[in-house]
Amino acid sequence: MSFEFLINKQAGPAWKGSLPGRPEAFFLKRGAGEHAMLGIDLFTVLLSGDETEGQFGVFTSQAPKGQMIITHVHAATHETFYVIEGKVRVYVQGPDGTRESQLLEPGDFGYVPAGLVHTYEVEESALLMGVATGGFERFFQQIGQPTDHYTTDQPPGIPEFPGAIAVAQSHGTQLLPDFDWSGE
């Protein structure tokens, strides 16, 4: 996080305003966008629902090898996983309760429609690109810690759990921390 942001939280991070906030053409250089640490992962919003009239948002995640994220389900958010670097295992429970997992490697793509319980685990440090239903991309900034640094080499953004539940609910997402994938 930038020192200026620590001193003046009102001002916000330096990237504030890097996206136009309305439908218009714009371009971002490598490393630009709106960054937030969520746990040990760096999420960068490249396009938000503000620019797409609520249709979709685009973000990246730089994630070191780590534990499975909290299992969750989105009521109305469709989510994609495109692996640019590394290896990511996506776990999904179908509507009939059957469970499956798929290891995604560079160039692989996965899609999880709204309403399906899912999670993922980074098995080898990864760079992912995701597209989700517009507005959900703001989840990462609201639950994580906004930062000006385009690197994972910084303190983790660890949300306080009751607050995380409230943020998730505001995005139509239910966190399922006790979900057990061992029978998958």
N, C-alpha and C. Protein backbone atom coordinates (compact mmCIF):
# COMPACT_ATOMS: atom_id res chain seq x y z
N MET A 1 0.85 -1.16 0.00
CA MET A 1 0.00 0.00 0.00
C MET A 1 0.89 1.22 0.00
N SER A 2 0.47 2.28 -0.64
CA SER A 2 1.29 3.48 -0.71
C SER A 2 1.27 4.20 0.63
N PHE A 3 2.36 4.87 0.96
CA PHE A 3 2.47 5.62 2.20
C PHE A 3 1.43 6.74 2.24
N GLU A 4 1.19 7.39 1.10
CA GLU A 4 0.20 8.47 1.06
C GLU A 4 -1.19 7.96 1.45
N PHE A 5 -1.52 6.74 1.04
CA PHE A 5 -2.83 6.19 1.36
C PHE A 5 -2.94 5.93 2.86
N LEU A 6 -1.84 5.52 3.48
CA LEU A 6 -1.86 5.30 4.94
C LEU A 6 -2.10 6.62 5.68
N ILE A 7 -1.52 7.69 5.19
CA ILE A 7 -1.66 8.99 5.86
C ILE A 7 -3.04 9.58 5.60
N ASN A 8 -3.51 9.53 4.36
CA ASN A 8 -4.76 10.19 3.99
C ASN A 8 -5.69 9.18 3.31
N LYS A 9 -6.42 8.43 4.12
CA LYS A 9 -7.32 7.42 3.56
C LYS A 9 -8.42 8.06 2.72
N GLN A 10 -8.74 9.31 3.00
CA GLN A 10 -9.76 10.02 2.24
C GLN A 10 -9.36 10.14 0.77
N ALA A 11 -8.07 10.36 0.53
CA ALA A 11 -7.58 10.55 -0.84
C ALA A 11 -7.67 9.25 -1.63
N GLY A 12 -7.50 8.12 -0.97
CA GLY A 12 -7.53 6.83 -1.65
C GLY A 12 -6.23 6.55 -2.36
N PRO A 13 -6.14 5.40 -2.98
CA PRO A 13 -4.91 5.02 -3.67
C PRO A 13 -4.69 5.87 -4.92
N ALA A 14 -3.43 5.91 -5.36
CA ALA A 14 -3.07 6.74 -6.52
C ALA A 14 -3.78 6.30 -7.79
N TRP A 15 -4.18 5.02 -7.89
CA TRP A 15 -4.85 4.55 -9.10
C TRP A 15 -6.30 5.02 -9.19
N LYS A 16 -6.81 5.60 -8.13
CA LYS A 16 -8.21 6.06 -8.15
C LYS A 16 -8.43 6.97 -9.36
N GLY A 17 -9.42 6.65 -10.16
CA GLY A 17 -9.71 7.41 -11.37
C GLY A 17 -8.99 6.88 -12.60
N SER A 18 -8.28 5.75 -12.49
CA SER A 18 -7.58 5.21 -13.66
C SER A 18 -8.55 4.60 -14.67
N LEU A 19 -9.73 4.22 -14.21
CA LEU A 19 -10.79 3.76 -15.12
C LEU A 19 -11.76 4.92 -15.31
N PRO A 20 -12.32 5.09 -16.50
CA PRO A 20 -13.15 6.26 -16.75
C PRO A 20 -14.46 6.32 -15.98
N GLY A 21 -15.00 5.16 -15.56
CA GLY A 21 -16.25 5.18 -14.81
C GLY A 21 -17.49 5.35 -15.65
N ARG A 22 -17.34 5.28 -16.96
CA ARG A 22 -18.47 5.40 -17.90
C ARG A 22 -18.04 4.73 -19.21
N PRO A 23 -19.00 4.37 -20.05
CA PRO A 23 -18.64 3.72 -21.31
C PRO A 23 -17.90 4.67 -22.25
N GLU A 24 -16.62 4.47 -22.38
CA GLU A 24 -15.80 5.21 -23.34
C GLU A 24 -14.54 4.40 -23.59
N ALA A 25 -13.93 4.60 -24.73
CA ALA A 25 -12.70 3.89 -25.07
C ALA A 25 -11.58 4.36 -24.14
N PHE A 26 -10.78 3.41 -23.68
CA PHE A 26 -9.60 3.74 -22.88
C PHE A 26 -8.61 2.58 -22.99
N PHE A 27 -7.39 2.84 -22.57
CA PHE A 27 -6.32 1.86 -22.67
C PHE A 27 -5.49 1.91 -21.40
N LEU A 28 -5.02 0.76 -20.97
CA LEU A 28 -4.18 0.67 -19.78
C LEU A 28 -2.85 0.03 -20.16
N LYS A 29 -1.78 0.58 -19.66
CA LYS A 29 -0.46 -0.03 -19.82
C LYS A 29 -0.30 -1.16 -18.80
N ARG A 30 0.65 -2.05 -19.08
CA ARG A 30 0.94 -3.16 -18.17
C ARG A 30 1.15 -2.62 -16.76
N GLY A 31 0.50 -3.26 -15.80
CA GLY A 31 0.62 -2.85 -14.40
C GLY A 31 -0.39 -1.80 -13.97
N ALA A 32 -1.13 -1.24 -14.92
CA ALA A 32 -2.13 -0.23 -14.56
C ALA A 32 -3.45 -0.91 -14.21
N GLY A 33 -4.33 -0.17 -13.59
CA GLY A 33 -5.63 -0.68 -13.17
C GLY A 33 -5.81 -0.42 -11.69
N GLU A 34 -6.87 -0.95 -11.12
CA GLU A 34 -7.20 -0.76 -9.71
C GLU A 34 -6.79 -2.01 -8.94
N HIS A 35 -5.83 -1.87 -8.03
CA HIS A 35 -5.23 -3.01 -7.34
C HIS A 35 -5.75 -3.16 -5.91
N ALA A 36 -5.89 -4.42 -5.49
CA ALA A 36 -6.22 -4.72 -4.09
C ALA A 36 -5.64 -6.08 -3.73
N MET A 37 -5.10 -6.15 -2.53
CA MET A 37 -4.62 -7.42 -2.00
C MET A 37 -5.78 -8.09 -1.28
N LEU A 38 -6.01 -9.34 -1.59
CA LEU A 38 -7.00 -10.15 -0.89
C LEU A 38 -6.26 -11.40 -0.46
N GLY A 39 -5.99 -11.49 0.82
CA GLY A 39 -5.09 -12.53 1.29
C GLY A 39 -3.72 -12.26 0.71
N ILE A 40 -3.13 -13.25 0.07
CA ILE A 40 -1.80 -13.10 -0.54
C ILE A 40 -1.90 -12.89 -2.04
N ASP A 41 -3.11 -12.72 -2.55
CA ASP A 41 -3.33 -12.55 -3.99
C ASP A 41 -3.54 -11.07 -4.32
N LEU A 42 -2.97 -10.65 -5.45
CA LEU A 42 -3.15 -9.30 -5.93
C LEU A 42 -4.19 -9.31 -7.05
N PHE A 43 -5.30 -8.63 -6.83
CA PHE A 43 -6.34 -8.51 -7.84
C PHE A 43 -6.24 -7.13 -8.48
N THR A 44 -6.36 -7.08 -9.80
CA THR A 44 -6.32 -5.83 -10.54
C THR A 44 -7.55 -5.73 -11.43
N VAL A 45 -8.36 -4.71 -11.19
CA VAL A 45 -9.54 -4.48 -12.03
C VAL A 45 -9.09 -3.70 -13.26
N LEU A 46 -9.36 -4.27 -14.43
CA LEU A 46 -9.00 -3.65 -15.70
C LEU A 46 -10.20 -2.97 -16.36
N LEU A 47 -11.38 -3.46 -16.05
CA LEU A 47 -12.63 -2.96 -16.63
C LEU A 47 -13.73 -3.26 -15.63
N SER A 48 -14.57 -2.28 -15.36
CA SER A 48 -15.63 -2.50 -14.38
C SER A 48 -17.00 -2.40 -15.01
N GLY A 49 -18.00 -2.74 -14.23
CA GLY A 49 -19.37 -2.60 -14.68
C GLY A 49 -19.73 -1.17 -15.02
N ASP A 50 -18.99 -0.21 -14.44
CA ASP A 50 -19.23 1.21 -14.75
C ASP A 50 -18.96 1.50 -16.23
N GLU A 51 -17.95 0.87 -16.79
CA GLU A 51 -17.60 1.11 -18.19
C GLU A 51 -18.42 0.26 -19.15
N THR A 52 -19.09 -0.78 -18.65
CA THR A 52 -19.84 -1.69 -19.52
C THR A 52 -21.35 -1.63 -19.25
N GLU A 53 -21.78 -0.57 -18.59
CA GLU A 53 -23.20 -0.42 -18.24
C GLU A 53 -23.72 -1.63 -17.48
N GLY A 54 -22.88 -2.14 -16.56
CA GLY A 54 -23.26 -3.24 -15.68
C GLY A 54 -23.20 -4.61 -16.31
N GLN A 55 -22.70 -4.73 -17.52
CA GLN A 55 -22.70 -6.03 -18.20
C GLN A 55 -21.62 -6.97 -17.69
N PHE A 56 -20.38 -6.50 -17.56
CA PHE A 56 -19.30 -7.37 -17.09
C PHE A 56 -18.13 -6.55 -16.60
N GLY A 57 -17.23 -7.23 -15.90
CA GLY A 57 -15.98 -6.64 -15.44
C GLY A 57 -14.85 -7.60 -15.77
N VAL A 58 -13.64 -7.06 -15.93
CA VAL A 58 -12.46 -7.87 -16.24
C VAL A 58 -11.41 -7.58 -15.19
N PHE A 59 -10.78 -8.63 -14.69
CA PHE A 59 -9.76 -8.47 -13.65
C PHE A 59 -8.70 -9.54 -13.82
N THR A 60 -7.55 -9.28 -13.20
CA THR A 60 -6.51 -10.30 -13.13
C THR A 60 -6.24 -10.63 -11.68
N SER A 61 -5.64 -11.78 -11.47
CA SER A 61 -5.20 -12.19 -10.14
C SER A 61 -3.80 -12.75 -10.27
N GLN A 62 -2.89 -12.16 -9.52
CA GLN A 62 -1.53 -12.72 -9.38
C GLN A 62 -1.53 -13.44 -8.05
N ALA A 63 -1.28 -14.74 -8.09
CA ALA A 63 -1.43 -15.52 -6.87
C ALA A 63 -0.28 -16.50 -6.69
N PRO A 64 0.42 -16.42 -5.56
CA PRO A 64 1.42 -17.43 -5.28
C PRO A 64 0.73 -18.75 -4.93
N LYS A 65 1.48 -19.82 -4.99
CA LYS A 65 0.94 -21.13 -4.59
C LYS A 65 0.36 -20.96 -3.19
N GLY A 66 -0.82 -21.52 -2.98
CA GLY A 66 -1.44 -21.34 -1.67
C GLY A 66 -2.61 -22.25 -1.44
N GLN A 67 -3.23 -22.02 -0.30
CA GLN A 67 -4.37 -22.81 0.11
C GLN A 67 -5.60 -22.49 -0.74
N MET A 68 -6.54 -23.40 -0.69
CA MET A 68 -7.82 -23.22 -1.37
C MET A 68 -8.52 -21.99 -0.78
N ILE A 69 -9.11 -21.15 -1.65
CA ILE A 69 -9.86 -20.01 -1.14
C ILE A 69 -11.18 -20.52 -0.54
N ILE A 70 -11.87 -19.67 0.18
CA ILE A 70 -13.13 -20.07 0.80
C ILE A 70 -14.14 -20.47 -0.29
N THR A 71 -14.72 -21.62 -0.12
CA THR A 71 -15.77 -22.07 -1.03
C THR A 71 -16.92 -21.08 -0.96
N HIS A 72 -17.53 -20.84 -2.12
CA HIS A 72 -18.59 -19.83 -2.17
C HIS A 72 -19.53 -20.12 -3.34
N VAL A 73 -20.64 -19.38 -3.35
CA VAL A 73 -21.60 -19.47 -4.43
C VAL A 73 -22.13 -18.07 -4.71
N HIS A 74 -22.23 -17.72 -5.98
CA HIS A 74 -22.76 -16.42 -6.39
C HIS A 74 -24.21 -16.62 -6.86
N ALA A 75 -25.11 -15.80 -6.36
CA ALA A 75 -26.51 -15.92 -6.75
C ALA A 75 -26.73 -15.54 -8.21
N ALA A 76 -26.04 -14.50 -8.68
CA ALA A 76 -26.30 -14.00 -10.03
C ALA A 76 -25.03 -13.68 -10.82
N THR A 77 -23.87 -14.05 -10.30
CA THR A 77 -22.61 -13.71 -10.97
C THR A 77 -22.03 -14.94 -11.66
N HIS A 78 -21.82 -14.81 -12.95
CA HIS A 78 -21.12 -15.82 -13.73
C HIS A 78 -19.63 -15.48 -13.66
N GLU A 79 -18.77 -16.49 -13.62
CA GLU A 79 -17.34 -16.25 -13.42
C GLU A 79 -16.52 -17.10 -14.38
N THR A 80 -15.43 -16.51 -14.90
CA THR A 80 -14.53 -17.26 -15.77
C THR A 80 -13.13 -17.28 -15.18
N PHE A 81 -12.38 -18.27 -15.60
CA PHE A 81 -10.98 -18.42 -15.20
C PHE A 81 -10.16 -18.68 -16.45
N TYR A 82 -9.23 -17.80 -16.76
CA TYR A 82 -8.32 -18.03 -17.88
C TYR A 82 -6.91 -17.96 -17.31
N VAL A 83 -6.17 -19.06 -17.40
CA VAL A 83 -4.84 -19.13 -16.81
C VAL A 83 -3.81 -18.66 -17.84
N ILE A 84 -3.09 -17.60 -17.47
CA ILE A 84 -2.02 -17.06 -18.32
C ILE A 84 -0.70 -17.72 -17.95
N GLU A 85 -0.46 -17.86 -16.65
CA GLU A 85 0.74 -18.52 -16.13
C GLU A 85 0.35 -19.38 -14.95
N GLY A 86 1.10 -20.45 -14.70
CA GLY A 86 0.91 -21.27 -13.51
C GLY A 86 -0.13 -22.35 -13.67
N LYS A 87 -0.58 -22.87 -12.50
CA LYS A 87 -1.58 -23.95 -12.47
C LYS A 87 -2.60 -23.66 -11.38
N VAL A 88 -3.85 -23.80 -11.74
CA VAL A 88 -4.96 -23.53 -10.82
C VAL A 88 -5.96 -24.67 -10.93
N ARG A 89 -6.34 -25.22 -9.78
CA ARG A 89 -7.37 -26.26 -9.76
C ARG A 89 -8.68 -25.62 -9.33
N VAL A 90 -9.70 -25.77 -10.19
CA VAL A 90 -11.04 -25.24 -9.91
C VAL A 90 -11.93 -26.41 -9.49
N TYR A 91 -12.64 -26.22 -8.40
CA TYR A 91 -13.58 -27.22 -7.87
C TYR A 91 -14.99 -26.68 -8.05
N VAL A 92 -15.89 -27.53 -8.53
CA VAL A 92 -17.28 -27.12 -8.77
C VAL A 92 -18.21 -28.22 -8.30
N GLN A 93 -19.32 -27.81 -7.68
CA GLN A 93 -20.39 -28.74 -7.36
C GLN A 93 -21.57 -28.43 -8.28
N GLY A 94 -21.98 -29.42 -9.04
CA GLY A 94 -23.08 -29.24 -9.97
C GLY A 94 -24.42 -29.13 -9.27
N PRO A 95 -25.47 -28.76 -10.01
CA PRO A 95 -26.80 -28.60 -9.41
C PRO A 95 -27.33 -29.90 -8.80
N ASP A 96 -26.84 -31.04 -9.30
CA ASP A 96 -27.29 -32.33 -8.77
C ASP A 96 -26.43 -32.80 -7.60
N GLY A 97 -25.46 -31.98 -7.17
CA GLY A 97 -24.61 -32.33 -6.03
C GLY A 97 -23.30 -33.04 -6.40
N THR A 98 -23.17 -33.43 -7.67
CA THR A 98 -21.91 -34.07 -8.07
C THR A 98 -20.79 -33.02 -8.05
N ARG A 99 -19.62 -33.50 -7.70
CA ARG A 99 -18.47 -32.60 -7.60
C ARG A 99 -17.40 -33.01 -8.59
N GLU A 100 -16.72 -32.00 -9.09
CA GLU A 100 -15.60 -32.28 -9.98
C GLU A 100 -14.53 -31.21 -9.77
N SER A 101 -13.32 -31.54 -10.18
CA SER A 101 -12.26 -30.54 -10.18
C SER A 101 -11.52 -30.65 -11.50
N GLN A 102 -10.94 -29.54 -11.89
CA GLN A 102 -10.20 -29.51 -13.15
C GLN A 102 -8.94 -28.68 -12.93
N LEU A 103 -7.80 -29.25 -13.31
CA LEU A 103 -6.55 -28.50 -13.25
C LEU A 103 -6.42 -27.68 -14.52
N LEU A 104 -6.28 -26.37 -14.34
CA LEU A 104 -6.12 -25.47 -15.48
C LEU A 104 -4.67 -25.01 -15.54
N GLU A 105 -4.08 -25.10 -16.73
CA GLU A 105 -2.71 -24.69 -16.98
C GLU A 105 -2.71 -23.55 -17.99
N PRO A 106 -1.53 -22.95 -18.28
CA PRO A 106 -1.51 -21.81 -19.21
C PRO A 106 -2.28 -22.08 -20.50
N GLY A 107 -3.18 -21.13 -20.83
CA GLY A 107 -4.01 -21.25 -22.02
C GLY A 107 -5.34 -21.94 -21.78
N ASP A 108 -5.51 -22.55 -20.59
CA ASP A 108 -6.77 -23.24 -20.28
C ASP A 108 -7.80 -22.24 -19.75
N PHE A 109 -9.06 -22.58 -19.94
CA PHE A 109 -10.18 -21.71 -19.60
C PHE A 109 -11.22 -22.51 -18.82
N GLY A 110 -11.84 -21.87 -17.84
CA GLY A 110 -12.94 -22.48 -17.11
C GLY A 110 -14.07 -21.48 -16.91
N TYR A 111 -15.28 -22.00 -16.82
CA TYR A 111 -16.47 -21.17 -16.63
C TYR A 111 -17.32 -21.77 -15.53
N VAL A 112 -17.75 -20.94 -14.58
CA VAL A 112 -18.65 -21.37 -13.51
C VAL A 112 -19.87 -20.45 -13.55
N PRO A 113 -21.03 -21.00 -13.95
CA PRO A 113 -22.24 -20.17 -13.98
C PRO A 113 -22.73 -19.84 -12.57
N ALA A 114 -23.51 -18.80 -12.48
CA ALA A 114 -24.11 -18.40 -11.21
C ALA A 114 -24.86 -19.58 -10.60
N GLY A 115 -24.85 -19.65 -9.29
CA GLY A 115 -25.61 -20.66 -8.57
C GLY A 115 -24.85 -21.94 -8.27
N LEU A 116 -23.62 -22.10 -8.78
CA LEU A 116 -22.85 -23.31 -8.51
C LEU A 116 -21.81 -23.05 -7.42
N VAL A 117 -21.77 -23.93 -6.44
CA VAL A 117 -20.77 -23.86 -5.38
C VAL A 117 -19.41 -24.14 -6.01
N HIS A 118 -18.41 -23.31 -5.68
CA HIS A 118 -17.09 -23.51 -6.27
C HIS A 118 -15.99 -22.87 -5.42
N THR A 119 -14.78 -23.22 -5.77
CA THR A 119 -13.58 -22.65 -5.17
C THR A 119 -12.43 -22.92 -6.12
N TYR A 120 -11.26 -22.44 -5.76
CA TYR A 120 -10.07 -22.79 -6.53
C TYR A 120 -8.85 -22.79 -5.62
N GLU A 121 -7.83 -23.48 -6.08
CA GLU A 121 -6.56 -23.56 -5.35
C GLU A 121 -5.44 -23.33 -6.35
N VAL A 122 -4.52 -22.44 -6.02
CA VAL A 122 -3.37 -22.18 -6.88
C VAL A 122 -2.32 -23.24 -6.55
N GLU A 123 -2.06 -24.14 -7.51
CA GLU A 123 -1.11 -25.23 -7.29
C GLU A 123 0.31 -24.85 -7.69
N GLU A 124 0.42 -23.84 -8.55
CA GLU A 124 1.72 -23.28 -8.94
C GLU A 124 1.48 -21.80 -9.18
N SER A 125 2.33 -20.94 -8.62
CA SER A 125 2.12 -19.50 -8.74
C SER A 125 1.53 -19.16 -10.09
N ALA A 126 0.49 -18.32 -10.07
CA ALA A 126 -0.30 -18.15 -11.29
C ALA A 126 -0.66 -16.69 -11.55
N LEU A 127 -0.92 -16.44 -12.81
CA LEU A 127 -1.53 -15.19 -13.26
C LEU A 127 -2.80 -15.62 -14.00
N LEU A 128 -3.93 -15.16 -13.50
CA LEU A 128 -5.24 -15.49 -14.06
C LEU A 128 -5.92 -14.24 -14.57
N MET A 129 -6.75 -14.40 -15.57
CA MET A 129 -7.64 -13.34 -15.98
C MET A 129 -9.05 -13.84 -15.82
N GLY A 130 -9.89 -13.00 -15.24
CA GLY A 130 -11.27 -13.38 -15.04
C GLY A 130 -12.21 -12.34 -15.61
N VAL A 131 -13.37 -12.83 -16.00
CA VAL A 131 -14.47 -11.97 -16.41
C VAL A 131 -15.65 -12.40 -15.56
N ALA A 132 -16.34 -11.43 -15.00
CA ALA A 132 -17.50 -11.75 -14.17
C ALA A 132 -18.61 -10.76 -14.50
N THR A 133 -19.81 -11.14 -14.14
CA THR A 133 -20.96 -10.29 -14.33
C THR A 133 -20.67 -8.93 -13.70
N GLY A 134 -21.01 -7.85 -14.40
CA GLY A 134 -20.66 -6.48 -14.01
C GLY A 134 -21.00 -6.11 -12.59
N GLY A 135 -20.02 -5.54 -11.91
CA GLY A 135 -20.17 -5.09 -10.54
C GLY A 135 -19.43 -5.97 -9.57
N PHE A 136 -19.31 -7.26 -9.87
CA PHE A 136 -18.65 -8.16 -8.93
C PHE A 136 -17.17 -7.83 -8.77
N GLU A 137 -16.53 -7.26 -9.79
CA GLU A 137 -15.10 -6.95 -9.71
C GLU A 137 -14.79 -6.01 -8.54
N ARG A 138 -15.75 -5.24 -8.09
CA ARG A 138 -15.54 -4.33 -6.96
C ARG A 138 -15.43 -5.09 -5.63
N PHE A 139 -15.86 -6.33 -5.62
CA PHE A 139 -15.75 -7.18 -4.43
C PHE A 139 -14.32 -7.21 -3.91
N PHE A 140 -13.34 -7.34 -4.81
CA PHE A 140 -11.95 -7.49 -4.40
C PHE A 140 -11.44 -6.26 -3.66
N GLN A 141 -11.85 -5.08 -4.10
CA GLN A 141 -11.43 -3.86 -3.42
C GLN A 141 -12.16 -3.67 -2.09
N GLN A 142 -13.41 -4.07 -2.05
CA GLN A 142 -14.19 -3.87 -0.84
C GLN A 142 -13.82 -4.86 0.26
N ILE A 143 -13.45 -6.06 -0.11
CA ILE A 143 -13.10 -7.06 0.90
C ILE A 143 -11.60 -7.09 1.17
N GLY A 144 -10.80 -6.70 0.18
CA GLY A 144 -9.35 -6.71 0.32
C GLY A 144 -8.81 -5.36 0.76
N GLN A 145 -7.52 -5.16 0.53
CA GLN A 145 -6.85 -3.91 0.89
C GLN A 145 -6.37 -3.22 -0.37
N PRO A 146 -6.96 -2.06 -0.74
CA PRO A 146 -6.47 -1.35 -1.92
C PRO A 146 -4.98 -1.04 -1.79
N THR A 147 -4.29 -1.13 -2.89
CA THR A 147 -2.85 -0.88 -2.90
C THR A 147 -2.44 -0.21 -4.20
N ASP A 148 -1.35 0.52 -4.15
CA ASP A 148 -0.80 1.14 -5.36
C ASP A 148 0.26 0.27 -6.00
N HIS A 149 0.65 -0.80 -5.35
CA HIS A 149 1.75 -1.63 -5.83
C HIS A 149 1.25 -2.78 -6.70
N TYR A 150 1.85 -2.92 -7.87
CA TYR A 150 1.50 -3.99 -8.80
C TYR A 150 2.43 -5.18 -8.56
N THR A 151 2.41 -5.67 -7.33
CA THR A 151 3.24 -6.81 -6.96
C THR A 151 2.61 -7.50 -5.76
N THR A 152 2.87 -8.80 -5.63
CA THR A 152 2.37 -9.54 -4.46
C THR A 152 3.37 -9.44 -3.31
N ASP A 153 4.50 -8.76 -3.51
CA ASP A 153 5.54 -8.62 -2.49
C ASP A 153 5.17 -7.47 -1.54
N GLN A 154 4.13 -7.71 -0.73
CA GLN A 154 3.64 -6.73 0.22
C GLN A 154 2.81 -7.46 1.26
N PRO A 155 2.45 -6.81 2.35
CA PRO A 155 1.66 -7.49 3.38
C PRO A 155 0.33 -7.98 2.83
N PRO A 156 -0.13 -9.14 3.31
CA PRO A 156 -1.42 -9.65 2.83
C PRO A 156 -2.58 -8.75 3.25
N GLY A 157 -3.63 -8.78 2.44
CA GLY A 157 -4.86 -8.05 2.77
C GLY A 157 -5.83 -9.03 3.39
N ILE A 158 -5.82 -9.14 4.70
CA ILE A 158 -6.63 -10.13 5.39
C ILE A 158 -7.90 -9.47 5.91
N PRO A 159 -9.05 -9.84 5.34
CA PRO A 159 -10.30 -9.23 5.81
C PRO A 159 -10.74 -9.81 7.14
N GLU A 160 -11.43 -9.02 7.91
CA GLU A 160 -12.04 -9.47 9.15
C GLU A 160 -13.28 -10.28 8.73
N PHE A 161 -13.45 -11.50 9.27
CA PHE A 161 -14.45 -12.42 8.73
C PHE A 161 -15.89 -11.91 8.76
N PRO A 162 -16.41 -11.35 9.88
CA PRO A 162 -17.79 -10.85 9.81
C PRO A 162 -17.97 -9.78 8.73
N GLY A 163 -16.95 -8.92 8.55
CA GLY A 163 -17.01 -7.91 7.50
C GLY A 163 -16.99 -8.53 6.13
N ALA A 164 -16.20 -9.61 5.98
CA ALA A 164 -16.12 -10.32 4.70
C ALA A 164 -17.48 -10.91 4.33
N ILE A 165 -18.19 -11.43 5.30
CA ILE A 165 -19.52 -12.01 5.05
C ILE A 165 -20.46 -10.92 4.54
N ALA A 166 -20.41 -9.74 5.18
CA ALA A 166 -21.29 -8.64 4.78
C ALA A 166 -20.96 -8.17 3.36
N VAL A 167 -19.66 -8.03 3.04
CA VAL A 167 -19.27 -7.61 1.69
C VAL A 167 -19.71 -8.65 0.67
N ALA A 168 -19.48 -9.92 0.98
CA ALA A 168 -19.89 -11.00 0.07
C ALA A 168 -21.40 -10.93 -0.17
N GLN A 169 -22.18 -10.78 0.89
CA GLN A 169 -23.63 -10.72 0.75
C GLN A 169 -24.05 -9.53 -0.11
N SER A 170 -23.35 -8.40 0.02
CA SER A 170 -23.70 -7.22 -0.78
C SER A 170 -23.44 -7.47 -2.27
N HIS A 171 -22.64 -8.49 -2.59
CA HIS A 171 -22.37 -8.86 -3.98
C HIS A 171 -23.09 -10.15 -4.36
N GLY A 172 -24.11 -10.53 -3.58
CA GLY A 172 -24.89 -11.72 -3.90
C GLY A 172 -24.09 -13.01 -3.79
N THR A 173 -23.11 -13.01 -2.89
CA THR A 173 -22.23 -14.17 -2.73
C THR A 173 -22.35 -14.71 -1.32
N GLN A 174 -22.45 -16.02 -1.20
CA GLN A 174 -22.49 -16.67 0.10
C GLN A 174 -21.17 -17.41 0.30
N LEU A 175 -20.46 -17.10 1.41
CA LEU A 175 -19.23 -17.80 1.75
C LEU A 175 -19.57 -19.07 2.50
N LEU A 176 -18.90 -20.16 2.16
CA LEU A 176 -19.17 -21.46 2.77
C LEU A 176 -17.87 -22.00 3.37
N PRO A 177 -17.39 -21.41 4.49
CA PRO A 177 -16.07 -21.77 5.02
C PRO A 177 -15.95 -23.20 5.51
N ASP A 178 -17.07 -23.86 5.84
CA ASP A 178 -17.01 -25.22 6.34
C ASP A 178 -17.26 -26.27 5.28
N PHE A 179 -17.36 -25.86 4.04
CA PHE A 179 -17.61 -26.80 2.94
C PHE A 179 -16.42 -27.74 2.81
N ASP A 180 -16.68 -29.04 2.70
CA ASP A 180 -15.63 -30.05 2.65
C ASP A 180 -15.55 -30.67 1.26
N TRP A 181 -14.42 -30.46 0.58
CA TRP A 181 -14.21 -31.00 -0.76
C TRP A 181 -13.54 -32.36 -0.73
N SER A 182 -13.24 -32.90 0.45
CA SER A 182 -12.48 -34.14 0.52
C SER A 182 -13.21 -35.33 -0.13
N GLY A 183 -14.52 -35.28 -0.21
CA GLY A 183 -15.28 -36.36 -0.84
C GLY A 183 -15.40 -36.20 -2.35
N GLU A 184 -14.77 -35.15 -2.88
CA GLU A 184 -14.86 -34.83 -4.32
C GLU A 184 -14.22 -35.91 -5.15
